[in-house]
Amino acid sequence: MAAPLSSPGHNNHVKFASLFTPEQVLCNPPIADRDELIHEMLRLLAYQRGVGNVSETFEAVMARERAGPTGIGPGIAVPHARIEAIGELVIGVATSRTGVSFGPGDAGRARLVLLVLAPKAAPALYLRAVSSLCRICADPGTADAVAALDGAGDVWRFFDREGAILPDHVCAADIMNRKVVCVKEHDTLQRAVDLLVEHRLVDVPVVDNDGDLVGVVSAYELLRVCLPDYILWMEDLTPVINLEPFAEVLKREGRTWLTDVMSWDYATLSEDVPAIQVAKEITRLGARQVYVTRGRRLVGVVTLQDFIHKALRD
């Protein structure tokens, strides 16, 4: 019997391998279709763990799959859903030597599939499980190594040997986006504007050659540069009705260094602070996003939209 984990509080060093048994593993089944594989995994979990209505759970998992990629590493897919029918974390595992398509091309072929079902009212459980999985699967060869194993017991023992422990809480590193669009401190304003427009951003962080965060180019501050104070006090805007101030900025954007326009007014938190601290800072500061650092090095960003998604839907 897998060890229950039903509370987001302290977990007394629960090992990831204790959350499932060899009976919850499909070892290289003759299934090449993603939907068929997930359906078969759910049927197995319904028999082994009583997860409830298979069809309803399948629809919940597929809805999350349609929302975006669920991979955590090369050849590894983590389909998941929050459902009301369970009171604890439920894990299913499947391997495939030929791979099952979870995305386009060879990069989207999963050889290790970990199906995670979490109680709907426990927002941190899935994120804690994935945090543990990311430690286990940090080696890019993990999927191939597990898929090469011959039996369900061997697959379970692989995870048991890794010994990964579920963290007691979700931290900033678990919810941040590690792919941060940024500019170098010696770039020009033109480069920052290009990135703001291309990626539809409201802020672009500025880093030095060591990757340390040194400032932010804010779309709001850029607007202030384009609209000096005297314009803000003008009642009659006829002299500038054709965006003349913006034309002036465009003339010199390729010669304007970021150090002349960037702001030092931004929110940062260490990667190891609890995620609830991220929510507190976003709320307290009225911030659109928080930058996550390791020392001074920029390692990620948590936007308000990302936090809501992770806490209430992921």
Protein backbone atom coordinates (compact mmCIF):
# COMPACT_ATOMS: atom_id res chain seq x y z
CA MET A 1 0.00 0.00 0.00
CA ALA A 2 1.36 3.41 -0.96
CA ALA A 3 1.88 5.83 1.90
CA PRO A 4 -0.89 8.46 2.07
CA LEU A 5 0.01 12.09 1.73
CA SER A 6 -3.09 14.17 2.21
CA SER A 7 -1.96 17.36 3.88
CA PRO A 8 0.19 20.24 2.64
CA GLY A 9 1.80 20.52 6.05
CA HIS A 10 4.97 18.82 7.27
CA ASN A 11 5.46 15.45 5.61
CA ASN A 12 7.97 13.82 7.99
CA HIS A 13 10.37 13.07 5.13
CA VAL A 14 7.99 11.21 2.83
CA LYS A 15 9.92 9.49 0.03
CA PHE A 16 8.52 9.84 -3.46
CA ALA A 17 8.77 6.07 -3.95
CA SER A 18 6.41 5.54 -1.01
CA LEU A 19 3.60 7.22 -2.95
CA PHE A 20 3.14 4.29 -5.33
CA THR A 21 3.73 0.54 -5.50
CA PRO A 22 4.96 -1.79 -8.27
CA GLU A 23 1.29 -2.63 -8.86
CA GLN A 24 0.78 0.96 -10.05
CA VAL A 25 3.44 0.64 -12.77
CA LEU A 26 2.84 -0.22 -16.44
CA CYS A 27 6.19 -1.47 -17.71
CA ASN A 28 6.49 -1.05 -21.48
CA PRO A 29 2.86 -1.83 -22.40
CA PRO A 30 2.14 -2.28 -26.13
CA ILE A 31 0.52 1.18 -26.32
CA ALA A 32 1.76 3.95 -28.61
CA ASP A 33 -1.14 6.40 -28.26
CA ARG A 34 -1.04 9.02 -25.48
CA ASP A 35 -4.77 9.03 -24.75
CA GLU A 36 -4.95 5.24 -24.66
CA LEU A 37 -1.97 5.08 -22.31
CA ILE A 38 -3.41 7.63 -19.88
CA HIS A 39 -6.76 5.84 -19.94
CA GLU A 40 -5.07 2.52 -19.15
CA MET A 41 -3.07 4.09 -16.32
CA LEU A 42 -6.27 5.52 -14.85
CA ARG A 43 -8.01 2.13 -15.06
CA LEU A 44 -5.11 0.62 -13.15
CA LEU A 45 -5.25 3.36 -10.49
CA ALA A 46 -9.01 2.95 -10.18
CA TYR A 47 -8.46 -0.73 -9.40
CA GLN A 48 -5.44 -0.23 -7.13
CA ARG A 49 -6.32 3.04 -5.42
CA GLY A 50 -10.01 3.70 -6.03
CA VAL A 51 -9.59 7.04 -7.80
CA GLY A 52 -13.25 7.13 -8.81
CA ASN A 53 -14.87 7.66 -12.20
CA VAL A 54 -12.22 6.89 -14.82
CA SER A 55 -13.94 8.81 -17.62
CA GLU A 56 -14.34 11.97 -15.54
CA THR A 57 -10.74 11.79 -14.32
CA PHE A 58 -9.53 11.19 -17.88
CA GLU A 59 -11.33 14.35 -19.03
CA ALA A 60 -9.71 16.34 -16.21
CA VAL A 61 -6.24 15.07 -17.15
CA MET A 62 -6.79 15.79 -20.84
CA ALA A 63 -8.05 19.30 -20.10
CA ARG A 64 -4.75 19.99 -18.35
CA GLU A 65 -2.82 18.45 -21.27
CA ARG A 66 -4.59 20.81 -23.67
CA ALA A 67 -3.63 23.79 -21.50
CA GLY A 68 0.09 23.32 -22.11
CA PRO A 69 3.12 21.00 -21.98
CA THR A 70 3.50 18.80 -18.91
CA GLY A 71 7.06 17.62 -19.46
CA ILE A 72 9.75 18.08 -16.80
CA GLY A 73 12.76 16.76 -18.70
CA PRO A 74 13.92 14.95 -21.84
CA GLY A 75 11.55 12.07 -22.56
CA ILE A 76 9.56 12.59 -19.34
CA ALA A 77 5.87 13.58 -19.23
CA VAL A 78 3.86 14.32 -16.10
CA PRO A 79 0.15 14.40 -17.01
CA HIS A 80 -1.83 15.45 -13.97
CA ALA A 81 -5.10 16.75 -12.60
CA ARG A 82 -6.71 17.89 -9.38
CA ILE A 83 -9.85 15.92 -8.64
CA GLU A 84 -12.40 15.88 -5.84
CA ALA A 85 -12.75 12.09 -5.63
CA ILE A 86 -9.48 11.55 -3.72
CA GLY A 87 -8.11 12.74 -0.41
CA GLU A 88 -4.44 12.02 -0.99
CA LEU A 89 -1.76 12.10 -3.68
CA VAL A 90 -1.99 9.22 -6.17
CA ILE A 91 0.84 8.32 -8.56
CA GLY A 92 0.86 6.07 -11.61
CA VAL A 93 3.96 5.22 -13.67
CA ALA A 94 4.39 3.94 -17.22
CA THR A 95 7.46 3.31 -19.35
CA SER A 96 7.82 2.98 -23.11
CA ARG A 97 11.02 2.06 -24.93
CA THR A 98 9.67 3.37 -28.25
CA GLY A 99 8.11 6.47 -26.74
CA VAL A 100 4.60 7.90 -26.62
CA SER A 101 3.86 11.23 -28.29
CA PHE A 102 3.14 13.98 -25.75
CA GLY A 103 4.27 16.75 -28.09
CA PRO A 104 5.63 17.49 -31.56
CA GLY A 105 8.65 15.67 -32.96
CA ASP A 106 11.09 13.36 -31.22
CA ALA A 107 11.47 15.86 -28.36
CA GLY A 108 7.82 15.28 -27.45
CA ARG A 109 8.10 11.49 -27.24
CA ALA A 110 7.91 10.37 -23.62
CA ARG A 111 9.62 7.18 -22.49
CA LEU A 112 8.74 7.76 -18.85
CA VAL A 113 5.21 8.88 -17.93
CA LEU A 114 4.29 9.82 -14.37
CA LEU A 115 0.57 10.38 -13.85
CA VAL A 116 -0.09 12.55 -10.79
CA LEU A 117 -3.55 12.95 -9.26
CA ALA A 118 -3.96 15.35 -6.35
CA PRO A 119 -6.92 16.38 -4.19
CA LYS A 120 -8.54 19.48 -5.64
CA ALA A 121 -8.47 21.27 -2.30
CA ALA A 122 -4.74 20.73 -1.70
CA PRO A 123 -3.02 23.17 -4.10
CA ALA A 124 0.54 22.44 -2.98
CA LEU A 125 0.57 18.64 -3.22
CA TYR A 126 1.12 18.35 -6.96
CA LEU A 127 3.83 21.03 -6.88
CA ARG A 128 5.63 19.26 -4.03
CA ALA A 129 5.53 15.98 -5.94
CA VAL A 130 6.91 17.60 -9.09
CA SER A 131 9.65 19.31 -7.08
CA SER A 132 10.72 15.88 -5.84
CA LEU A 133 10.47 14.42 -9.35
CA CYS A 134 12.66 17.17 -10.78
CA ARG A 135 15.42 16.13 -8.40
CA ILE A 136 15.05 12.46 -9.38
CA CYS A 137 14.93 13.23 -13.10
CA ALA A 138 17.67 15.88 -13.22
CA ASP A 139 19.89 13.51 -15.23
CA PRO A 140 18.89 13.82 -18.93
CA GLY A 141 19.35 10.06 -19.31
CA THR A 142 16.72 9.18 -16.70
CA ALA A 143 13.90 8.40 -19.15
CA ASP A 144 16.04 6.01 -21.20
CA ALA A 145 17.43 4.34 -18.08
CA VAL A 146 13.99 3.67 -16.59
CA ALA A 147 12.45 2.60 -19.91
CA ALA A 148 15.20 -0.01 -20.31
CA LEU A 149 14.17 -1.78 -17.10
CA ASP A 150 12.40 -5.11 -17.48
CA GLY A 151 9.77 -5.13 -14.75
CA ALA A 152 7.49 -2.98 -12.59
CA GLY A 153 9.46 -3.92 -9.50
CA ASP A 154 12.67 -2.70 -11.11
CA VAL A 155 11.02 0.61 -12.00
CA TRP A 156 9.81 1.09 -8.42
CA ARG A 157 13.27 0.21 -7.05
CA PHE A 158 14.84 2.85 -9.32
CA PHE A 159 12.78 5.57 -7.64
CA ASP A 160 13.36 4.03 -4.22
CA ARG A 161 17.15 4.06 -4.73
CA GLU A 162 17.05 7.72 -5.72
CA GLY A 163 15.57 8.40 -2.30
CA ALA A 164 14.09 11.79 -3.20
CA ILE A 165 12.03 13.34 -0.39
CA LEU A 166 9.00 15.51 -0.92
CA PRO A 167 9.75 19.03 0.33
CA ASP A 168 7.75 20.22 3.32
CA HIS A 169 6.46 23.18 1.34
CA VAL A 170 6.42 24.74 -2.10
CA CYS A 171 9.11 27.37 -2.56
CA ALA A 172 9.70 30.11 -5.11
CA ALA A 173 11.95 27.83 -7.18
CA ASP A 174 9.04 25.38 -7.59
CA ILE A 175 6.70 27.91 -9.18
CA MET A 176 9.06 30.27 -11.02
CA ASN A 177 9.61 30.43 -14.76
CA ARG A 178 13.29 29.68 -15.36
CA LYS A 179 13.26 31.04 -18.91
CA VAL A 180 13.61 34.76 -18.29
CA VAL A 181 13.88 37.22 -21.16
CA CYS A 182 16.50 39.77 -20.13
CA VAL A 183 18.92 42.37 -21.47
CA LYS A 184 22.54 43.15 -20.62
CA GLU A 185 23.39 46.37 -18.82
CA HIS A 186 25.38 47.61 -21.83
CA ASP A 187 22.50 47.09 -24.28
CA THR A 188 20.62 50.04 -25.73
CA LEU A 189 17.04 51.11 -25.22
CA GLN A 190 16.28 49.82 -28.71
CA ARG A 191 17.07 46.25 -27.65
CA ALA A 192 14.84 46.54 -24.56
CA VAL A 193 11.91 47.94 -26.57
CA ASP A 194 12.28 45.16 -29.13
CA LEU A 195 11.99 42.54 -26.38
CA LEU A 196 9.07 44.29 -24.66
CA VAL A 197 7.17 44.24 -27.94
CA GLU A 198 8.26 40.81 -29.18
CA HIS A 199 7.39 38.99 -25.94
CA ARG A 200 4.51 41.25 -24.84
CA LEU A 201 6.21 42.04 -21.55
CA VAL A 202 5.66 44.82 -19.04
CA ASP A 203 9.18 44.63 -17.59
CA VAL A 204 12.54 43.40 -18.85
CA PRO A 205 15.22 42.63 -16.23
CA VAL A 206 18.74 43.96 -16.77
CA VAL A 207 21.68 41.71 -15.84
CA ASP A 208 25.44 42.18 -15.83
CA ASN A 209 27.98 39.84 -17.40
CA ASP A 210 27.78 37.51 -14.37
CA GLY A 211 24.00 37.19 -14.62
CA ASP A 212 23.42 39.35 -11.54
CA LEU A 213 20.23 41.42 -11.53
CA VAL A 214 21.11 45.14 -11.67
CA GLY A 215 17.88 46.80 -12.78
CA VAL A 216 14.64 46.61 -14.74
CA VAL A 217 13.38 48.36 -17.85
CA SER A 218 9.71 48.91 -17.17
CA ALA A 219 7.13 49.66 -19.84
CA TYR A 220 5.58 52.09 -17.35
CA GLU A 221 8.88 53.92 -16.83
CA LEU A 222 9.44 53.93 -20.59
CA LEU A 223 6.08 55.66 -20.97
CA ARG A 224 7.20 58.25 -18.43
CA VAL A 225 10.36 58.84 -20.46
CA CYS A 226 8.20 59.45 -23.51
CA LEU A 227 5.83 61.72 -21.56
CA PRO A 228 7.85 64.21 -19.51
CA ASP A 229 6.21 66.04 -16.63
CA TYR A 230 5.30 69.14 -18.61
CA ILE A 231 3.08 67.05 -20.89
CA LEU A 232 1.31 65.50 -17.91
CA TRP A 233 0.35 69.01 -16.80
CA MET A 234 -0.83 70.17 -20.24
CA GLU A 235 -4.58 70.65 -20.68
CA ASP A 236 -4.33 71.21 -24.44
CA LEU A 237 -2.52 68.27 -26.05
CA THR A 238 -2.93 69.58 -29.61
CA PRO A 239 0.84 70.27 -30.00
CA VAL A 240 1.66 66.61 -29.32
CA ILE A 241 -1.48 64.91 -30.59
CA ASN A 242 0.47 62.86 -33.16
CA LEU A 243 2.70 61.23 -30.55
CA GLU A 244 5.58 63.64 -31.15
CA PRO A 245 7.30 62.76 -27.81
CA PHE A 246 7.48 59.14 -28.90
CA ALA A 247 9.13 60.18 -32.16
CA GLU A 248 11.86 61.92 -30.15
CA VAL A 249 12.57 58.75 -28.19
CA LEU A 250 12.65 56.69 -31.40
CA LYS A 251 15.27 59.01 -32.87
CA ARG A 252 17.70 58.28 -30.08
CA GLU A 253 16.74 54.78 -28.85
CA GLY A 254 19.76 53.22 -30.56
CA ARG A 255 22.05 55.68 -28.71
CA THR A 256 20.34 55.54 -25.31
CA TRP A 257 21.98 53.18 -22.82
CA LEU A 258 19.83 51.22 -20.44
CA THR A 259 21.62 52.71 -17.44
CA ASP A 260 19.97 56.01 -18.40
CA VAL A 261 16.40 54.67 -18.29
CA MET A 262 16.33 51.52 -16.14
CA SER A 263 14.68 51.42 -12.74
CA TRP A 264 15.90 49.99 -9.45
CA ASP A 265 12.34 49.68 -8.16
CA TYR A 266 11.52 45.98 -8.40
CA ALA A 267 10.72 43.05 -6.12
CA THR A 268 13.13 40.17 -5.49
CA LEU A 269 13.01 37.07 -3.34
CA SER A 270 15.40 34.20 -2.75
CA GLU A 271 14.64 30.95 -4.58
CA ASP A 272 14.22 29.04 -1.31
CA VAL A 273 11.54 31.24 0.31
CA PRO A 274 8.09 29.63 0.67
CA ALA A 275 5.72 30.28 -2.22
CA ILE A 276 3.28 31.92 0.20
CA GLN A 277 5.94 34.61 0.69
CA VAL A 278 5.85 35.24 -3.07
CA ALA A 279 2.08 35.76 -2.85
CA LYS A 280 2.53 38.08 0.13
CA GLU A 281 5.09 40.26 -1.67
CA ILE A 282 3.05 40.49 -4.87
CA THR A 283 0.03 41.56 -2.80
CA ARG A 284 1.90 43.87 -0.43
CA LEU A 285 3.74 45.69 -3.19
CA GLY A 286 1.01 45.57 -5.80
CA ALA A 287 3.67 44.05 -8.06
CA ARG A 288 3.04 42.43 -11.43
CA GLN A 289 5.90 40.02 -10.86
CA VAL A 290 8.69 39.04 -8.49
CA TYR A 291 12.23 38.23 -9.60
CA VAL A 292 13.79 35.16 -8.02
CA THR A 293 17.49 35.23 -7.18
CA ARG A 294 20.25 32.97 -5.93
CA GLY A 295 22.42 35.43 -4.10
CA ARG A 296 22.36 38.27 -6.65
CA ARG A 297 22.07 36.01 -9.70
CA LEU A 298 18.74 36.10 -11.52
CA VAL A 299 17.38 32.53 -11.77
CA GLY A 300 13.67 33.01 -12.48
CA VAL A 301 10.55 35.12 -12.37
CA VAL A 302 7.07 34.61 -10.91
CA THR A 303 4.36 36.69 -12.54
CA LEU A 304 0.99 37.34 -10.95
CA GLN A 305 -0.67 35.31 -13.72
CA ASP A 306 1.75 32.41 -13.22
CA PHE A 307 1.13 32.37 -9.48
CA ILE A 308 -2.64 32.25 -9.87
CA HIS A 309 -2.28 29.45 -12.43
CA LYS A 310 0.04 27.40 -10.24
CA ALA A 311 -1.93 27.90 -7.02
CA LEU A 312 -5.43 27.45 -8.36
CA ARG A 313 -5.20 25.38 -11.55
CA ASP A 314 -1.88 23.55 -12.12
